[in-house]
């Protein structure tokens, strides 16, 4: 989601029709995924994927929260 948002951001050197397309597509996309970024399970799945384990799309605080959630879930699973 973050990569799509990054690539669909309008830049000064974009042609008019491309800028309009990017703007419309990004607005539509953001309306469709509002609140999805906060879903913990998506963050955990991303962190466990070797391609994205550094979580480049998250802030340092969100990264810490994600790794703490993984540790918490692991400790619960080990206890059972």
C-alpha atoms as a PDB file:
ATOM      1  CA  UNK A   1       0.000   0.000   0.000  1.00  0.00           C
ATOM      2  CA  UNK A   2       2.793   2.378   0.877  1.00  0.00           C
ATOM      3  CA  UNK A   3       4.635   1.665  -2.355  1.00  0.00           C
ATOM      4  CA  UNK A   4       1.501   2.359  -4.371  1.00  0.00           C
ATOM      5  CA  UNK A   5       0.967   5.627  -2.535  1.00  0.00           C
ATOM      6  CA  UNK A   6       4.607   6.561  -3.125  1.00  0.00           C
ATOM      7  CA  UNK A   7       4.447   5.906  -6.873  1.00  0.00           C
ATOM      8  CA  UNK A   8       1.075   7.599  -7.327  1.00  0.00           C
ATOM      9  CA  UNK A   9       2.151  10.869  -5.709  1.00  0.00           C
ATOM     10  CA  UNK A  10       1.966  13.738  -8.202  1.00  0.00           C
ATOM     11  CA  UNK A  11       5.318  15.311  -9.090  1.00  0.00           C
ATOM     12  CA  UNK A  12       6.050  18.679 -10.678  1.00  0.00           C
ATOM     13  CA  UNK A  13       7.404  17.068 -13.832  1.00  0.00           C
ATOM     14  CA  UNK A  14       4.272  14.929 -14.446  1.00  0.00           C
ATOM     15  CA  UNK A  15       2.254  15.759 -17.538  1.00  0.00           C
ATOM     16  CA  UNK A  16      -1.205  17.196 -16.859  1.00  0.00           C
ATOM     17  CA  UNK A  17      -3.171  14.069 -17.735  1.00  0.00           C
ATOM     18  CA  UNK A  18      -0.805  11.881 -15.721  1.00  0.00           C
ATOM     19  CA  UNK A  19      -1.063  14.192 -12.704  1.00  0.00           C
ATOM     20  CA  UNK A  20      -4.875  14.115 -12.920  1.00  0.00           C
ATOM     21  CA  UNK A  21      -4.873  10.315 -13.219  1.00  0.00           C
ATOM     22  CA  UNK A  22      -2.492   9.884 -10.280  1.00  0.00           C
ATOM     23  CA  UNK A  23      -4.515  12.274  -8.145  1.00  0.00           C
ATOM     24  CA  UNK A  24      -7.837  10.592  -8.921  1.00  0.00           C
ATOM     25  CA  UNK A  25      -6.443   7.077  -8.493  1.00  0.00           C
ATOM     26  CA  UNK A  26      -4.711   7.927  -5.222  1.00  0.00           C
ATOM     27  CA  UNK A  27      -7.834   9.621  -3.816  1.00  0.00           C
ATOM     28  CA  UNK A  28      -9.933   6.572  -4.712  1.00  0.00           C
ATOM     29  CA  UNK A  29      -7.345   4.193  -3.291  1.00  0.00           C
ATOM     30  CA  UNK A  30      -7.086   6.110  -0.009  1.00  0.00           C
ATOM     31  CA  UNK A  31     -10.865   6.070   0.425  1.00  0.00           C
ATOM     32  CA  UNK A  32     -10.937   2.309  -0.109  1.00  0.00           C
ATOM     33  CA  UNK A  33      -8.177   1.477   2.361  1.00  0.00           C
ATOM     34  CA  UNK A  34      -8.898   3.982   5.119  1.00  0.00           C
ATOM     35  CA  UNK A  35      -8.032   2.309   8.389  1.00  0.00           C
ATOM     36  CA  UNK A  36      -6.415  -0.741   6.804  1.00  0.00           C
ATOM     37  CA  UNK A  37      -2.876   0.431   7.651  1.00  0.00           C
ATOM     38  CA  UNK A  38      -3.693   0.096  11.333  1.00  0.00           C
ATOM     39  CA  UNK A  39      -4.638  -3.550  11.092  1.00  0.00           C
ATOM     40  CA  UNK A  40      -2.128  -5.394  13.226  1.00  0.00           C
ATOM     41  CA  UNK A  41      -2.295  -8.658  11.326  1.00  0.00           C
ATOM     42  CA  UNK A  42      -1.227  -6.940   8.090  1.00  0.00           C
ATOM     43  CA  UNK A  43       1.760  -5.382   9.809  1.00  0.00           C
ATOM     44  CA  UNK A  44       2.748  -8.720  11.328  1.00  0.00           C
ATOM     45  CA  UNK A  45       2.432 -10.495   7.988  1.00  0.00           C
ATOM     46  CA  UNK A  46       4.582  -7.831   6.356  1.00  0.00           C
ATOM     47  CA  UNK A  47       7.226  -8.091   9.082  1.00  0.00           C
ATOM     48  CA  UNK A  48       7.390 -11.874   8.691  1.00  0.00           C
ATOM     49  CA  UNK A  49       7.825 -11.641   4.918  1.00  0.00           C
ATOM     50  CA  UNK A  50      11.605 -11.722   4.275  1.00  0.00           C
ATOM     51  CA  UNK A  51      11.265  -9.176   1.465  1.00  0.00           C
ATOM     52  CA  UNK A  52       9.805  -6.529   3.795  1.00  0.00           C
ATOM     53  CA  UNK A  53      11.072  -7.511   7.254  1.00  0.00           C
ATOM     54  CA  UNK A  54      12.722  -4.109   7.721  1.00  0.00           C
ATOM     55  CA  UNK A  55       9.237  -2.553   7.454  1.00  0.00           C
ATOM     56  CA  UNK A  56      10.363   0.360   5.270  1.00  0.00           C
ATOM     57  CA  UNK A  57       6.809   1.668   4.999  1.00  0.00           C
ATOM     58  CA  UNK A  58       6.308   2.202   8.739  1.00  0.00           C
ATOM     59  CA  UNK A  59       7.491   4.852  11.143  1.00  0.00           C
ATOM     60  CA  UNK A  60       9.991   3.806  13.844  1.00  0.00           C
ATOM     61  CA  UNK A  61       7.192   3.774  16.434  1.00  0.00           C
ATOM     62  CA  UNK A  62       4.999   1.560  14.253  1.00  0.00           C
ATOM     63  CA  UNK A  63       7.937  -0.782  13.648  1.00  0.00           C
ATOM     64  CA  UNK A  64       8.515  -1.117  17.390  1.00  0.00           C
ATOM     65  CA  UNK A  65       4.812  -1.772  17.995  1.00  0.00           C
ATOM     66  CA  UNK A  66       4.784  -4.434  15.291  1.00  0.00           C
ATOM     67  CA  UNK A  67       7.800  -6.305  16.632  1.00  0.00           C
ATOM     68  CA  UNK A  68       6.423  -6.102  20.183  1.00  0.00           C
ATOM     69  CA  UNK A  69       3.112  -7.569  18.952  1.00  0.00           C
ATOM     70  CA  UNK A  70       5.002 -10.430  17.301  1.00  0.00           C
ATOM     71  CA  UNK A  71       6.981 -11.116  20.478  1.00  0.00           C
ATOM     72  CA  UNK A  72       3.766 -11.052  22.508  1.00  0.00           C
ATOM     73  CA  UNK A  73       2.034 -13.504  20.187  1.00  0.00           C
ATOM     74  CA  UNK A  74       5.064 -15.802  20.224  1.00  0.00           C
ATOM     75  CA  UNK A  75       5.216 -15.820  24.015  1.00  0.00           C
ATOM     76  CA  UNK A  76       1.500 -16.661  24.198  1.00  0.00           C
ATOM     77  CA  UNK A  77       1.922 -19.469  21.659  1.00  0.00           C
ATOM     78  CA  UNK A  78       4.896 -20.943  23.519  1.00  0.00           C
ATOM     79  CA  UNK A  79       3.013 -20.950  26.833  1.00  0.00           C
ATOM     80  CA  UNK A  80       0.166 -22.994  25.346  1.00  0.00           C
END
